[in-house]
Amino acid sequence: MLVIRQSDVEKLLSGKEKEHIEMVRATYELHEQGATTVPHSIFLRFPEQPANRIIGLPSYRGGDNPAAGIKWISSFPGNVQSGTARASAAMLLNSLRTGHPEALLEGSLISAARTAASAALAAEMLTRENRPKGVSLIGCGVINLEILRYLKAALEGLEEVTVHDSSTIRAQEFARRCAEILPEARVSLAASLDDALAAQSLVSFATSAGEPHTDLTAAAPGTVVLHISLRDIDPETLIQAHNIVDDADHVCRERTSLHLAEQITGGRAFIDASIGQLIAGTRQFTPSPKKVTVYSPFGLGVLDLALAVDVHRTARGLGLGVEITDFLS
């Protein structure tokens, strides 16, 4: 079994933003065709630590290069206060010939990359009629920083970045890092969440919110919102918006904003389409200029699988990683 450490994963992911966006696009298309198996994620929670969780995401990808594996990812928001990363993850890949484990990869970087690639893909698809001049990033953590990096690859001409976070100190440091990614852009801090929503026609939520906390009234009609953290937006607001998802069965669970909207309405008629349907052309979507469009991806494990397989293949080709020959006797 090959063990691929974080430093090697980082090296193998670097500079491949456009390739990752295409991998995600192709994987969503396979998912739409029914060529994947993506069981519901397993949420491990702790009664004494309600903010913390570990999630298991098993998946199978068919097609020309079939693969199977699982991501095991933790979220401990309190880590941020002590300077430790909120999320950590491991990816396990299994042989489809024997079922034996064949690779163990550090997974948090893969998870961030596939999340950002999915967001950038949706942003590119949903803003084709009205390209944004800038983006508001709400939540100043690893995910939104990666989203900015991938948006740079997907959208030309981003001139402005507006950032907002509950911590001003964190927002200031985040703004500095945004300027490194987009040195030609004007980076500014929004004093409030509403100011951030009003500032740009493209908005990305990547927070640790556990309950809805905004109704989007400050966002201009026609704004595209990347609702990556899934629990920020009031469900009544979602019911009145256009909604694009990656998979309705996955995203309408675990008290996400869409799950709450489903409980209110008794169904999923408020969801316009999945991203896979838009890629495959099996569902037409023409947004009203009077409505906000919200993209809410649960984050399918098969996306992690796609990137992990590529990292594993490249690592073996370059002789990276640690080969454990006696993991199984």
Protein backbone atom coordinates (compact mmCIF):
# COMPACT_ATOMS: atom_id res chain seq x y z
CA MET A 1 0.00 0.00 0.00
CA LEU A 2 1.24 3.46 -0.88
CA VAL A 3 0.98 6.15 1.82
CA ILE A 4 0.98 9.68 0.37
CA ARG A 5 1.74 12.42 2.86
CA GLN A 6 0.30 15.95 2.88
CA SER A 7 3.45 17.53 1.45
CA ASP A 8 3.35 15.21 -1.57
CA VAL A 9 -0.41 15.68 -2.04
CA GLU A 10 0.11 19.45 -2.00
CA LYS A 11 2.84 19.18 -4.62
CA LEU A 12 0.72 16.97 -6.88
CA LEU A 13 -2.36 19.21 -6.66
CA SER A 14 -0.53 22.49 -7.21
CA GLY A 15 -1.17 24.37 -10.45
CA LYS A 16 -3.82 21.92 -11.72
CA GLU A 17 -6.92 24.01 -11.04
CA LYS A 18 -8.27 23.84 -14.60
CA GLU A 19 -7.64 20.09 -14.76
CA HIS A 20 -9.48 19.58 -11.47
CA ILE A 21 -12.46 21.59 -12.69
CA GLU A 22 -12.65 19.33 -15.74
CA MET A 23 -12.33 16.22 -13.54
CA VAL A 24 -15.25 17.45 -11.43
CA ARG A 25 -17.28 18.25 -14.55
CA ALA A 26 -16.67 14.74 -15.95
CA THR A 27 -17.52 13.13 -12.60
CA TYR A 28 -20.80 15.05 -12.31
CA GLU A 29 -21.66 13.86 -15.82
CA LEU A 30 -20.95 10.23 -14.85
CA HIS A 31 -23.11 10.72 -11.76
CA GLU A 32 -25.94 12.05 -13.91
CA GLN A 33 -25.60 8.98 -16.16
CA GLY A 34 -25.93 6.65 -13.16
CA ALA A 35 -22.34 5.44 -13.48
CA THR A 36 -21.46 6.12 -9.84
CA THR A 37 -22.41 4.66 -6.49
CA VAL A 38 -22.54 7.26 -3.72
CA PRO A 39 -24.15 6.01 -0.49
CA HIS A 40 -25.35 8.55 2.03
CA SER A 41 -22.53 9.94 4.12
CA ILE A 42 -22.09 8.66 7.66
CA PHE A 43 -22.09 11.38 10.33
CA LEU A 44 -20.31 10.49 13.54
CA ARG A 45 -21.27 13.00 16.25
CA PHE A 46 -20.32 13.31 19.91
CA PRO A 47 -23.00 14.09 22.54
CA GLU A 48 -20.58 16.08 24.71
CA GLN A 49 -19.13 17.96 21.70
CA PRO A 50 -22.09 18.99 19.50
CA ALA A 51 -20.00 21.28 17.28
CA ASN A 52 -17.64 18.47 16.26
CA ARG A 53 -18.19 15.67 13.78
CA ILE A 54 -16.44 13.12 11.58
CA ILE A 55 -17.98 12.19 8.24
CA GLY A 56 -17.42 9.08 6.14
CA LEU A 57 -18.01 9.38 2.38
CA PRO A 58 -17.69 6.06 0.49
CA SER A 59 -17.99 6.11 -3.30
CA TYR A 60 -17.52 4.22 -6.55
CA ARG A 61 -16.84 5.70 -9.96
CA GLY A 62 -17.53 3.69 -13.10
CA GLY A 63 -16.67 4.63 -16.65
CA ASP A 64 -13.33 4.13 -18.37
CA ASN A 65 -11.26 4.38 -15.19
CA PRO A 66 -13.30 2.76 -12.38
CA ALA A 67 -12.28 3.28 -8.77
CA ALA A 68 -13.58 2.89 -5.23
CA GLY A 69 -12.66 4.41 -1.90
CA ILE A 70 -13.73 6.40 1.12
CA LYS A 71 -12.98 9.79 2.64
CA TRP A 72 -12.96 10.09 6.44
CA ILE A 73 -13.03 13.79 7.31
CA SER A 74 -13.32 15.53 10.66
CA SER A 75 -14.56 19.02 11.44
CA PHE A 76 -13.58 20.45 14.83
CA PRO A 77 -14.33 24.20 14.57
CA GLY A 78 -12.71 24.94 17.94
CA ASN A 79 -9.33 24.09 16.43
CA VAL A 80 -9.27 27.49 14.73
CA GLN A 81 -8.97 29.29 18.06
CA SER A 82 -5.76 27.40 18.85
CA GLY A 83 -4.25 27.83 15.39
CA THR A 84 -4.95 24.24 14.32
CA ALA A 85 -6.73 23.39 11.08
CA ARG A 86 -10.49 22.90 11.51
CA ALA A 87 -10.63 19.93 9.13
CA SER A 88 -8.43 16.87 8.72
CA ALA A 89 -9.01 13.91 6.45
CA ALA A 90 -7.71 10.64 5.10
CA MET A 91 -8.58 8.97 1.79
CA LEU A 92 -8.44 5.20 1.35
CA LEU A 93 -8.45 3.70 -2.16
CA ASN A 94 -9.30 0.04 -2.73
CA SER A 95 -8.35 -2.28 -5.55
CA LEU A 96 -11.35 -3.25 -7.65
CA ARG A 97 -9.62 -6.55 -8.49
CA THR A 98 -9.04 -7.78 -4.92
CA GLY A 99 -10.82 -5.24 -2.74
CA HIS A 100 -7.58 -4.75 -0.80
CA PRO A 101 -6.57 -1.23 0.29
CA GLU A 102 -3.92 0.06 -2.11
CA ALA A 103 -3.40 3.71 -1.15
CA LEU A 104 -3.81 5.96 1.88
CA LEU A 105 -3.69 9.68 1.12
CA GLU A 106 -3.85 12.81 3.26
CA GLY A 107 -7.32 13.99 2.32
CA SER A 108 -7.93 17.54 3.56
CA LEU A 109 -6.14 19.14 0.62
CA ILE A 110 -7.99 16.89 -1.83
CA SER A 111 -11.27 17.77 -0.12
CA ALA A 112 -10.56 21.50 -0.35
CA ALA A 113 -9.52 21.21 -3.99
CA ARG A 114 -12.61 19.31 -5.09
CA THR A 115 -14.87 21.67 -3.13
CA ALA A 116 -13.27 24.68 -4.80
CA ALA A 117 -13.37 23.05 -8.23
CA SER A 118 -17.09 22.32 -7.83
CA ALA A 119 -17.75 25.91 -6.76
CA ALA A 120 -15.72 27.35 -9.64
CA LEU A 121 -17.45 25.07 -12.15
CA ALA A 122 -20.87 26.21 -10.93
CA ALA A 123 -19.79 29.86 -10.94
CA GLU A 124 -18.60 29.58 -14.54
CA MET A 125 -21.81 27.86 -15.67
CA LEU A 126 -24.25 30.09 -13.78
CA THR A 127 -22.69 33.45 -14.71
CA ARG A 128 -22.25 32.96 -18.46
CA GLU A 129 -24.88 35.59 -19.26
CA ASN A 130 -23.51 38.12 -16.78
CA ARG A 131 -19.89 37.64 -15.73
CA PRO A 132 -19.09 39.11 -12.30
CA LYS A 133 -16.42 41.75 -11.87
CA GLY A 134 -15.72 40.50 -8.37
CA VAL A 135 -16.62 38.04 -5.62
CA SER A 136 -17.62 38.34 -1.97
CA LEU A 137 -16.09 35.66 0.23
CA ILE A 138 -18.03 35.13 3.47
CA GLY A 139 -16.03 33.02 5.90
CA CYS A 140 -12.28 33.55 5.87
CA GLY A 141 -10.92 30.03 6.00
CA VAL A 142 -9.14 27.46 3.86
CA ILE A 143 -12.13 26.66 1.66
CA ASN A 144 -12.89 30.19 0.50
CA LEU A 145 -9.21 30.80 -0.16
CA GLU A 146 -9.14 27.73 -2.40
CA ILE A 147 -12.38 28.83 -4.05
CA LEU A 148 -10.74 32.14 -4.96
CA ARG A 149 -7.79 30.26 -6.44
CA TYR A 150 -10.10 28.12 -8.57
CA LEU A 151 -12.32 31.07 -9.54
CA LYS A 152 -9.20 32.73 -10.90
CA ALA A 153 -8.77 29.72 -13.19
CA ALA A 154 -12.45 29.56 -14.20
CA LEU A 155 -13.39 33.23 -14.58
CA GLU A 156 -11.36 35.87 -16.35
CA GLY A 157 -11.27 39.46 -15.25
CA LEU A 158 -12.05 39.32 -11.53
CA GLU A 159 -11.18 42.83 -10.39
CA GLU A 160 -12.54 42.94 -6.85
CA VAL A 161 -12.59 40.67 -3.80
CA THR A 162 -14.73 41.55 -0.80
CA VAL A 163 -14.19 39.54 2.38
CA HIS A 164 -16.17 39.21 5.58
CA ASP A 165 -15.73 37.12 8.71
CA SER A 166 -16.96 37.22 12.29
CA SER A 167 -13.32 37.80 13.28
CA THR A 168 -11.84 41.06 11.99
CA ILE A 169 -8.31 39.82 12.65
CA ARG A 170 -8.94 36.67 10.62
CA ALA A 171 -10.52 38.74 7.82
CA GLN A 172 -7.49 41.05 7.66
CA GLU A 173 -5.04 38.16 7.33
CA PHE A 174 -7.33 36.47 4.82
CA ALA A 175 -7.45 39.66 2.72
CA ARG A 176 -3.65 39.67 2.58
CA ARG A 177 -3.63 36.11 1.27
CA CYS A 178 -6.34 36.93 -1.29
CA ALA A 179 -4.12 39.73 -2.59
CA GLU A 180 -1.34 37.18 -3.12
CA ILE A 181 -3.64 35.02 -5.25
CA LEU A 182 -5.13 37.93 -7.22
CA PRO A 183 -2.52 40.69 -7.03
CA GLU A 184 -4.27 42.68 -9.75
CA ALA A 185 -7.57 42.81 -7.84
CA ARG A 186 -8.76 45.32 -5.24
CA VAL A 187 -9.32 43.47 -1.95
CA SER A 188 -11.54 45.08 0.68
CA LEU A 189 -13.12 44.14 4.00
CA ALA A 190 -16.89 44.38 4.43
CA ALA A 191 -17.99 45.76 7.79
CA SER A 192 -21.08 43.54 7.86
CA LEU A 193 -22.53 40.46 6.24
CA ASP A 194 -25.10 42.57 4.41
CA ASP A 195 -22.36 44.82 3.06
CA ALA A 196 -20.60 41.74 1.69
CA LEU A 197 -23.81 40.45 0.09
CA ALA A 198 -24.46 43.81 -1.55
CA ALA A 199 -20.92 44.33 -2.79
CA GLN A 200 -20.68 41.72 -5.55
CA SER A 201 -22.88 39.71 -7.92
CA LEU A 202 -21.01 36.50 -7.02
CA VAL A 203 -20.96 35.41 -3.36
CA SER A 204 -19.40 32.39 -1.68
CA PHE A 205 -20.42 31.15 1.78
CA ALA A 206 -17.85 28.86 3.41
CA THR A 207 -18.48 29.17 7.13
CA SER A 208 -18.89 26.86 10.11
CA ALA A 209 -22.50 27.98 10.68
CA GLY A 210 -24.73 25.32 12.19
CA GLU A 211 -28.00 27.22 11.75
CA PRO A 212 -29.32 29.65 9.10
CA HIS A 213 -28.40 33.26 9.85
CA THR A 214 -29.12 35.36 6.72
CA ASP A 215 -32.06 35.96 4.38
CA LEU A 216 -30.07 37.38 1.41
CA THR A 217 -32.25 40.51 1.21
CA ALA A 218 -29.07 42.58 0.83
CA ALA A 219 -28.04 40.66 -2.32
CA ALA A 220 -29.07 42.27 -5.60
CA PRO A 221 -31.45 40.35 -7.90
CA GLY A 222 -29.48 38.16 -10.28
CA THR A 223 -26.73 37.46 -7.73
CA VAL A 224 -25.23 33.96 -7.83
CA VAL A 225 -24.56 32.53 -4.36
CA LEU A 226 -22.23 29.57 -3.84
CA HIS A 227 -23.73 28.12 -0.67
CA ILE A 228 -20.83 25.82 0.10
CA SER A 229 -21.37 25.52 3.86
CA LEU A 230 -25.05 24.65 3.34
CA ARG A 231 -26.47 26.02 6.60
CA ASP A 232 -26.17 29.79 6.23
CA ILE A 233 -29.33 30.77 4.34
CA ASP A 234 -32.81 31.01 5.79
CA PRO A 235 -34.95 28.22 4.26
CA GLU A 236 -37.82 30.58 3.46
CA THR A 237 -35.36 32.60 1.39
CA LEU A 238 -34.26 29.50 -0.50
CA ILE A 239 -37.87 28.70 -1.34
CA GLN A 240 -38.12 32.07 -3.12
CA ALA A 241 -34.76 31.68 -4.94
CA HIS A 242 -33.52 29.57 -7.83
CA ASN A 243 -31.78 26.48 -6.45
CA ILE A 244 -29.14 24.32 -8.12
CA VAL A 245 -27.72 21.30 -6.24
CA ASP A 246 -25.28 18.50 -6.91
CA ASP A 247 -27.61 15.74 -5.66
CA ALA A 248 -30.95 16.47 -3.99
CA ASP A 249 -31.00 13.21 -2.03
CA HIS A 250 -27.67 14.06 -0.42
CA VAL A 251 -28.12 17.78 0.17
CA CYS A 252 -31.60 17.51 1.71
CA ARG A 253 -30.29 15.85 4.87
CA GLU A 254 -28.72 16.66 8.23
CA ARG A 255 -30.63 19.92 8.72
CA THR A 256 -29.05 21.79 5.86
CA SER A 257 -30.93 24.90 4.75
CA LEU A 258 -32.37 22.87 1.85
CA HIS A 259 -33.43 20.10 4.22
CA LEU A 260 -35.31 22.69 6.29
CA ALA A 261 -36.88 24.12 3.13
CA GLU A 262 -38.02 20.63 2.15
CA GLN A 263 -39.64 20.20 5.56
CA ILE A 264 -41.46 23.51 5.19
CA THR A 265 -42.76 22.84 1.66
CA GLY A 266 -43.24 19.09 1.94
CA GLY A 267 -41.21 18.46 -1.21
CA ARG A 268 -38.35 19.53 -3.45
CA ALA A 269 -40.17 21.52 -6.11
CA PHE A 270 -38.12 24.58 -5.11
CA ILE A 271 -35.00 22.88 -6.57
CA ASP A 272 -34.61 23.86 -10.23
CA ALA A 273 -31.92 21.40 -11.37
CA SER A 274 -28.76 19.53 -10.50
CA ILE A 275 -25.39 20.61 -11.82
CA GLY A 276 -25.12 17.23 -13.57
CA GLN A 277 -28.38 17.89 -15.42
CA LEU A 278 -27.08 21.25 -16.59
CA ILE A 279 -23.80 19.70 -17.76
CA ALA A 280 -25.57 16.88 -19.61
CA GLY A 281 -28.28 19.17 -21.00
CA THR A 282 -31.08 17.02 -19.58
CA ARG A 283 -32.68 19.97 -17.76
CA GLN A 284 -33.10 23.50 -19.05
CA PHE A 285 -32.57 26.37 -16.65
CA THR A 286 -33.24 30.02 -17.45
CA PRO A 287 -32.90 32.13 -14.31
CA SER A 288 -35.16 35.07 -13.67
CA PRO A 289 -33.20 38.34 -13.40
CA LYS A 290 -35.42 39.16 -10.41
CA LYS A 291 -34.22 36.17 -8.37
CA VAL A 292 -31.04 35.13 -6.64
CA THR A 293 -29.59 31.80 -7.80
CA VAL A 294 -28.15 29.59 -5.04
CA TYR A 295 -25.80 26.68 -5.70
CA SER A 296 -25.79 24.23 -2.78
CA PRO A 297 -23.45 21.25 -3.31
CA PHE A 298 -23.38 18.59 -0.62
CA GLY A 299 -19.94 17.59 -1.83
CA LEU A 300 -20.14 14.08 -3.23
CA GLY A 301 -17.44 11.64 -2.15
CA VAL A 302 -16.96 10.56 -5.75
CA LEU A 303 -15.37 13.97 -6.44
CA ASP A 304 -12.74 13.30 -3.77
CA LEU A 305 -12.27 9.90 -5.35
CA ALA A 306 -11.62 11.39 -8.79
CA LEU A 307 -8.88 13.70 -7.53
CA ALA A 308 -7.40 11.06 -5.21
CA VAL A 309 -7.07 8.57 -8.07
CA ASP A 310 -5.21 11.18 -10.12
CA VAL A 311 -2.90 12.01 -7.19
CA HIS A 312 -2.24 8.30 -6.58
CA ARG A 313 -1.47 7.61 -10.23
CA THR A 314 0.87 10.58 -10.49
CA ALA A 315 2.61 9.76 -7.20
CA ARG A 316 3.39 6.23 -8.35
CA GLY A 317 4.70 7.57 -11.65
CA LEU A 318 7.03 9.99 -9.87
CA GLY A 319 8.08 7.60 -7.13
CA LEU A 320 6.51 9.68 -4.37
CA GLY A 321 4.97 8.34 -1.18
CA VAL A 322 5.95 5.55 1.19
CA GLU A 323 5.34 2.00 -0.01
CA ILE A 324 4.34 -0.38 2.81
CA THR A 325 4.86 -3.88 1.48
CA ASP A 326 3.78 -5.77 4.61
CA PHE A 327 0.55 -3.91 5.44
CA LEU A 328 -1.29 -7.15 4.60
CA SER A 329 0.39 -10.46 5.24
